[in-house]
Protein backbone atom coordinates (compact mmCIF):
# COMPACT_ATOMS: atom_id res chain seq x y z
CA MET A 1 104.70 116.07 -132.92
CA ILE A 2 108.41 116.80 -132.78
CA TYR A 3 107.65 120.49 -133.02
CA LEU A 4 105.16 120.27 -130.13
CA ASN A 5 107.70 118.51 -127.95
CA PHE A 6 110.25 121.19 -128.76
CA LEU A 7 107.79 123.94 -127.81
CA ARG A 8 106.93 122.15 -124.58
CA ARG A 9 110.61 121.88 -123.62
CA GLN A 10 111.21 125.50 -124.55
CA LEU A 11 108.26 126.64 -122.43
CA ASN A 12 109.50 124.59 -119.45
CA LEU A 13 112.96 126.09 -119.83
CA ASP A 14 111.61 129.64 -120.05
CA LEU A 15 109.39 129.04 -117.04
CA THR A 16 112.33 127.69 -115.03
CA ARG A 17 114.43 130.71 -115.95
CA TYR A 18 111.60 133.07 -115.05
CA ILE A 19 111.07 131.43 -111.65
CA TYR A 20 114.81 131.48 -110.94
CA TYR A 21 115.03 135.15 -111.90
CA LYS A 22 112.07 136.08 -109.70
CA TRP A 23 113.39 134.07 -106.75
CA THR A 24 116.86 135.62 -107.05
CA LYS A 25 115.48 139.15 -107.27
CA THR A 26 113.12 138.64 -104.33
CA THR A 27 115.85 137.08 -102.18
CA LEU A 28 118.25 139.91 -103.01
CA VAL A 29 115.67 142.53 -102.03
CA LEU A 30 114.95 140.73 -98.75
CA PHE A 31 118.65 140.53 -97.90
CA MET A 32 119.11 144.23 -98.66
CA LYS A 33 116.17 145.16 -96.42
CA PHE A 34 117.46 142.92 -93.62
CA PHE A 35 120.92 144.49 -93.57
CA ALA A 36 119.44 147.99 -93.83
CA TYR A 37 117.22 147.36 -90.79
CA LEU A 38 120.14 145.79 -88.93
CA PHE A 39 122.31 148.85 -89.62
CA ILE A 40 119.59 151.23 -88.38
CA PHE A 41 119.06 149.08 -85.27
CA GLN A 42 122.77 149.25 -84.44
CA LEU A 43 122.79 153.01 -84.84
CA LEU A 44 119.85 153.49 -82.49
CA THR A 45 120.75 150.88 -79.88
CA PRO A 46 123.27 151.81 -77.11
CA GLY A 47 125.75 149.04 -76.40
CA SER A 48 125.51 147.70 -79.96
CA ALA A 49 128.44 146.94 -82.24
CA ILE A 50 128.59 150.63 -83.17
CA SER A 51 129.73 152.04 -79.84
CA GLY A 52 132.78 153.56 -78.25
CA SER A 53 134.68 153.46 -74.98
CA ILE A 54 136.59 155.72 -72.61
CA LYS A 55 139.81 154.83 -70.85
CA GLY A 56 142.08 156.96 -68.74
CA SER A 57 143.74 157.66 -65.42
CA ALA A 58 143.19 159.87 -62.38
CA LEU A 59 146.48 161.63 -61.66
CA PHE A 60 147.81 163.71 -58.76
CA SER A 61 150.42 166.38 -59.55
CA GLY A 62 151.07 167.48 -55.97
CA LYS A 63 153.56 166.23 -53.42
CA ASN A 64 153.40 162.64 -52.25
CA ILE A 65 150.89 162.33 -49.40
CA GLN A 66 151.03 159.83 -46.55
CA LEU A 67 147.94 160.04 -44.37
CA GLU A 68 148.07 158.82 -40.81
CA ALA A 69 146.05 155.70 -40.09
CA HIS A 70 143.06 155.96 -37.76
CA LYS A 71 143.69 154.70 -34.23
CA THR A 72 140.87 152.50 -32.96
CA GLY A 73 141.53 153.04 -29.23
CA LYS A 74 139.27 150.89 -27.06
CA TYR A 75 138.03 148.98 -30.12
CA LYS A 76 141.46 147.59 -31.02
CA LYS A 77 140.59 144.06 -29.89
CA ALA A 78 137.79 143.76 -32.45
CA CYS A 79 139.05 146.15 -35.12
CA GLY A 80 142.83 146.05 -34.88
CA VAL A 81 145.10 148.81 -33.61
CA THR A 82 144.82 151.02 -36.70
CA ILE A 83 142.58 151.40 -39.76
CA ILE A 84 143.82 152.81 -43.06
CA ASN A 85 142.71 156.34 -43.93
CA GLU A 86 141.07 155.98 -47.35
CA SER A 87 140.13 159.62 -47.92
CA MET A 88 143.25 160.10 -50.05
CA LEU A 89 144.99 157.08 -51.57
CA VAL A 90 147.78 157.99 -54.00
CA ASN A 91 150.41 155.61 -55.37
CA LYS A 92 153.12 157.11 -57.57
CA GLY A 93 150.84 159.92 -58.66
CA LYS A 94 147.86 157.64 -59.39
CA ILE A 95 144.66 158.24 -57.39
CA LYS A 96 142.32 155.52 -56.19
CA ASN A 97 138.55 155.96 -55.63
CA VAL A 98 137.88 158.74 -58.14
CA VAL A 99 134.33 158.40 -59.50
CA ILE A 100 134.15 158.86 -63.27
CA SER A 101 130.65 159.43 -64.66
CA LEU A 102 129.26 160.26 -68.10
CA HIS A 103 126.38 162.70 -68.57
CA GLY A 104 124.21 163.34 -71.62
CA LYS A 105 121.28 162.08 -73.67
CA ASN A 106 120.49 158.50 -74.80
CA LEU A 107 122.41 156.83 -71.96
CA LYS A 108 120.79 153.75 -70.44
CA THR A 109 120.32 153.29 -66.70
CA ASN A 110 121.37 149.61 -66.46
CA THR A 111 119.92 148.96 -63.03
CA GLY A 112 121.22 146.16 -60.82
CA GLU A 113 122.28 145.15 -57.33
CA HIS A 114 125.22 146.69 -55.48
CA LYS A 115 126.70 145.62 -52.16
CA LEU A 116 128.18 147.49 -49.22
CA ASP A 117 129.78 145.42 -46.46
CA GLN A 118 130.94 146.32 -42.94
CA LYS A 119 134.13 144.33 -42.63
CA LYS A 120 137.04 144.66 -40.18
CA CYS A 121 135.55 147.93 -38.93
CA ARG A 122 135.56 149.64 -42.31
CA TYR A 123 133.15 149.91 -45.21
CA GLU A 124 133.91 147.75 -48.24
CA PRO A 125 134.09 149.24 -50.78
CA HIS A 126 135.00 152.70 -49.55
CA VAL A 127 133.47 154.29 -52.68
CA ILE A 128 130.66 152.76 -54.69
CA THR A 129 128.92 154.06 -57.82
CA MET A 130 125.48 152.89 -58.88
CA PRO A 131 122.81 154.10 -61.34
CA VAL A 132 119.40 155.38 -60.25
CA ASP A 133 116.69 152.81 -59.54
CA SER A 134 119.29 150.26 -58.44
CA GLU A 135 119.25 148.37 -55.15
CA LEU A 136 121.91 148.73 -52.47
CA LYS A 137 122.35 145.67 -50.27
CA ILE A 138 124.05 146.41 -46.95
CA HIS A 139 125.62 143.55 -45.02
CA THR A 140 127.86 143.13 -41.98
CA SER A 141 130.68 140.61 -41.71
CA ASP A 142 131.93 141.85 -38.35
CA PRO A 143 131.49 140.26 -34.91
CA VAL A 144 130.76 143.72 -33.41
CA ASN A 145 127.87 146.16 -33.64
CA HIS A 146 127.79 148.91 -36.27
CA ASN A 147 125.47 151.74 -37.16
CA ILE A 148 125.07 152.84 -40.76
CA HIS A 149 124.09 156.48 -41.06
CA THR A 150 123.65 158.10 -44.49
CA TYR A 151 123.52 161.85 -45.11
CA SER A 152 121.26 162.06 -48.14
CA PHE A 153 118.76 164.65 -49.33
CA GLU A 154 117.30 163.22 -52.55
CA ASN A 155 117.04 159.61 -51.34
CA ASP A 156 115.63 158.29 -48.07
CA PRO A 157 118.30 158.62 -45.35
CA MET A 158 119.30 155.55 -43.31
CA ASN A 159 120.16 155.31 -39.63
CA ILE A 160 120.21 151.60 -38.84
CA MET A 161 121.91 149.51 -36.17
CA PHE A 162 123.64 146.35 -37.38
CA ILE A 163 124.42 143.49 -35.01
CA PRO A 164 126.52 140.41 -35.84
CA ASP A 165 124.84 137.95 -38.23
CA GLN A 166 122.04 140.39 -38.99
CA GLU A 167 120.17 139.97 -42.27
CA GLU A 168 121.14 142.35 -45.05
CA TYR A 169 119.22 145.56 -45.51
CA ILE A 170 118.08 146.59 -49.00
CA GLN A 171 117.28 150.08 -50.18
CA GLU A 172 116.52 151.37 -53.68
CA MET A 173 118.28 154.54 -54.76
CA GLU A 174 115.79 156.57 -56.79
CA GLU A 175 117.63 159.87 -57.34
CA ALA A 176 121.11 160.86 -58.45
CA GLU A 177 123.26 162.34 -55.65
CA ILE A 178 126.49 161.91 -53.67
CA ILE A 179 125.81 160.33 -50.28
CA LYS A 180 128.20 160.23 -47.34
CA VAL A 181 128.02 157.17 -45.08
CA GLU A 182 129.21 157.08 -41.46
CA CYS A 183 129.11 154.74 -38.50
CA ASP A 184 127.96 156.46 -35.32
CA LEU A 185 129.77 153.85 -33.20
CA HIS A 186 133.17 154.06 -34.93
CA SER A 187 134.08 157.59 -36.01
CA TRP A 188 136.70 156.57 -38.59
CA MET A 189 134.24 154.47 -40.61
CA THR A 190 133.18 156.42 -43.69
CA ALA A 191 132.10 155.55 -47.21
CA TRP A 192 130.59 157.27 -50.24
CA ILE A 193 127.68 156.18 -52.41
CA VAL A 194 127.59 158.02 -55.73
CA VAL A 195 124.21 157.54 -57.41
CA THR A 196 124.52 158.41 -61.10
CA PRO A 197 121.74 159.18 -63.64
CA ASN A 198 122.84 156.29 -65.88
CA GLY A 199 124.99 153.16 -65.92
CA TYR A 200 128.05 154.74 -67.55
CA SER A 201 130.41 155.22 -64.61
CA ASP A 202 133.44 153.69 -62.94
CA VAL A 203 135.67 154.07 -59.87
CA SER A 204 139.42 154.39 -60.43
CA SER A 205 141.46 151.43 -59.21
CA SER A 206 144.65 151.48 -57.14
CA ASP A 207 146.70 152.34 -60.24
CA GLY A 208 144.38 155.24 -61.05
CA THR A 209 142.89 153.70 -64.17
CA PHE A 210 139.23 153.68 -65.17
CA SER A 211 137.18 152.57 -68.17
CA ILE A 212 133.63 152.93 -69.49
CA SER A 213 132.49 150.80 -72.44
CA ASN A 214 129.55 150.37 -74.84
CA ILE A 215 128.90 154.11 -75.14
CA PRO A 216 126.63 155.22 -78.01
CA PRO A 217 128.29 157.80 -80.30
CA GLY A 218 127.67 161.42 -79.38
CA LYS A 219 128.84 164.41 -77.35
CA TYR A 220 128.88 164.11 -73.56
CA GLU A 221 130.21 165.61 -70.35
CA LEU A 222 132.68 163.43 -68.41
CA THR A 223 133.01 164.18 -64.69
CA ALA A 224 135.64 163.08 -62.17
CA TRP A 225 134.78 163.40 -58.46
CA HIS A 226 136.90 162.69 -55.38
CA GLU A 227 135.90 163.11 -51.74
CA THR A 228 138.99 165.22 -50.92
CA LEU A 229 140.07 166.68 -54.26
CA GLY A 230 136.67 167.83 -55.52
CA SER A 231 135.43 167.48 -59.10
CA GLN A 232 136.43 168.22 -62.68
CA SER A 233 134.55 167.96 -65.98
CA LYS A 234 135.57 167.58 -69.60
CA SER A 235 133.62 167.53 -72.87
CA VAL A 236 134.13 164.34 -74.87
CA THR A 237 133.02 163.15 -78.30
CA ILE A 238 132.48 159.42 -78.60
CA ASN A 239 132.74 157.51 -81.88
CA ASP A 240 133.35 153.85 -82.66
CA LYS A 241 136.91 154.00 -81.31
CA GLU A 242 138.51 154.24 -77.89
CA THR A 243 138.72 157.71 -76.35
CA ASN A 244 141.55 158.43 -73.91
CA VAL A 245 140.91 160.97 -71.15
CA ASN A 246 143.04 161.74 -68.09
CA PHE A 247 142.10 163.86 -65.08
CA GLU A 248 144.90 165.63 -63.21
CA PHE A 249 144.29 166.97 -59.71
CA PRO A 250 146.70 169.59 -58.31
CA GLU A 251 148.15 170.18 -54.84
CA ILE A 252 145.65 170.22 -51.95
CA LEU A 253 145.61 172.26 -48.78
CA ALA A 254 147.36 170.76 -45.74
CA GLU A 255 144.19 170.95 -43.63
CA GLU A 256 142.36 168.79 -46.16
CA THR A 257 144.81 165.92 -45.59
CA LYS A 258 143.99 165.84 -41.87
CA LYS A 259 140.33 164.96 -42.39
């Protein structure tokens, strides 16, 4: 009897050990598979933890430029006497409104809504970048009439009159291109819509800086475009760290500054 009880206890102990061993092994295998799948997912997914970024500045190496403001003439009561000329804004060698865009494979579009306002007889913002298949919402905040006229070839052109308190107009941008915007009623009003093939772009701020984040690792072409200075491109390799890239634009012709 004592021997039978001993055998029973020994069998229970062995069974418990066997179950514990099997459970531990199975759990370990499951955890290993989970982390392996998670690692692969991060490698293949743009914007995941394994991604890089680009930061830099748009620089001007030429002489300091002071553009004359636009005179509004008979529209001064509604628009003010002068309007700033935004075709070339440089502050201590740092250029504003340079469009920085990344080009290559495996870059997401990241569609969304973007706004263009007609405010104080100028377009706000002066330069806007947006990925393909995104919507542009055009609004007017002014108490005077405007006319928005786009010069586009790949996207449907617009030639629309805006009156005060008019409802916003929405248009989807389906193709990548650089579009000039003018107002047929006020000759100084211009803007630029840069439609990019993906969502990895930025516009340099007043201190010339720009940044693009959540970039999947790889080799790409980085382009800088400015309405007066033209464009430049550089090859970049993105890893899981920050990549610093600066674009330097040289002296421009005197006639270009008069536009």
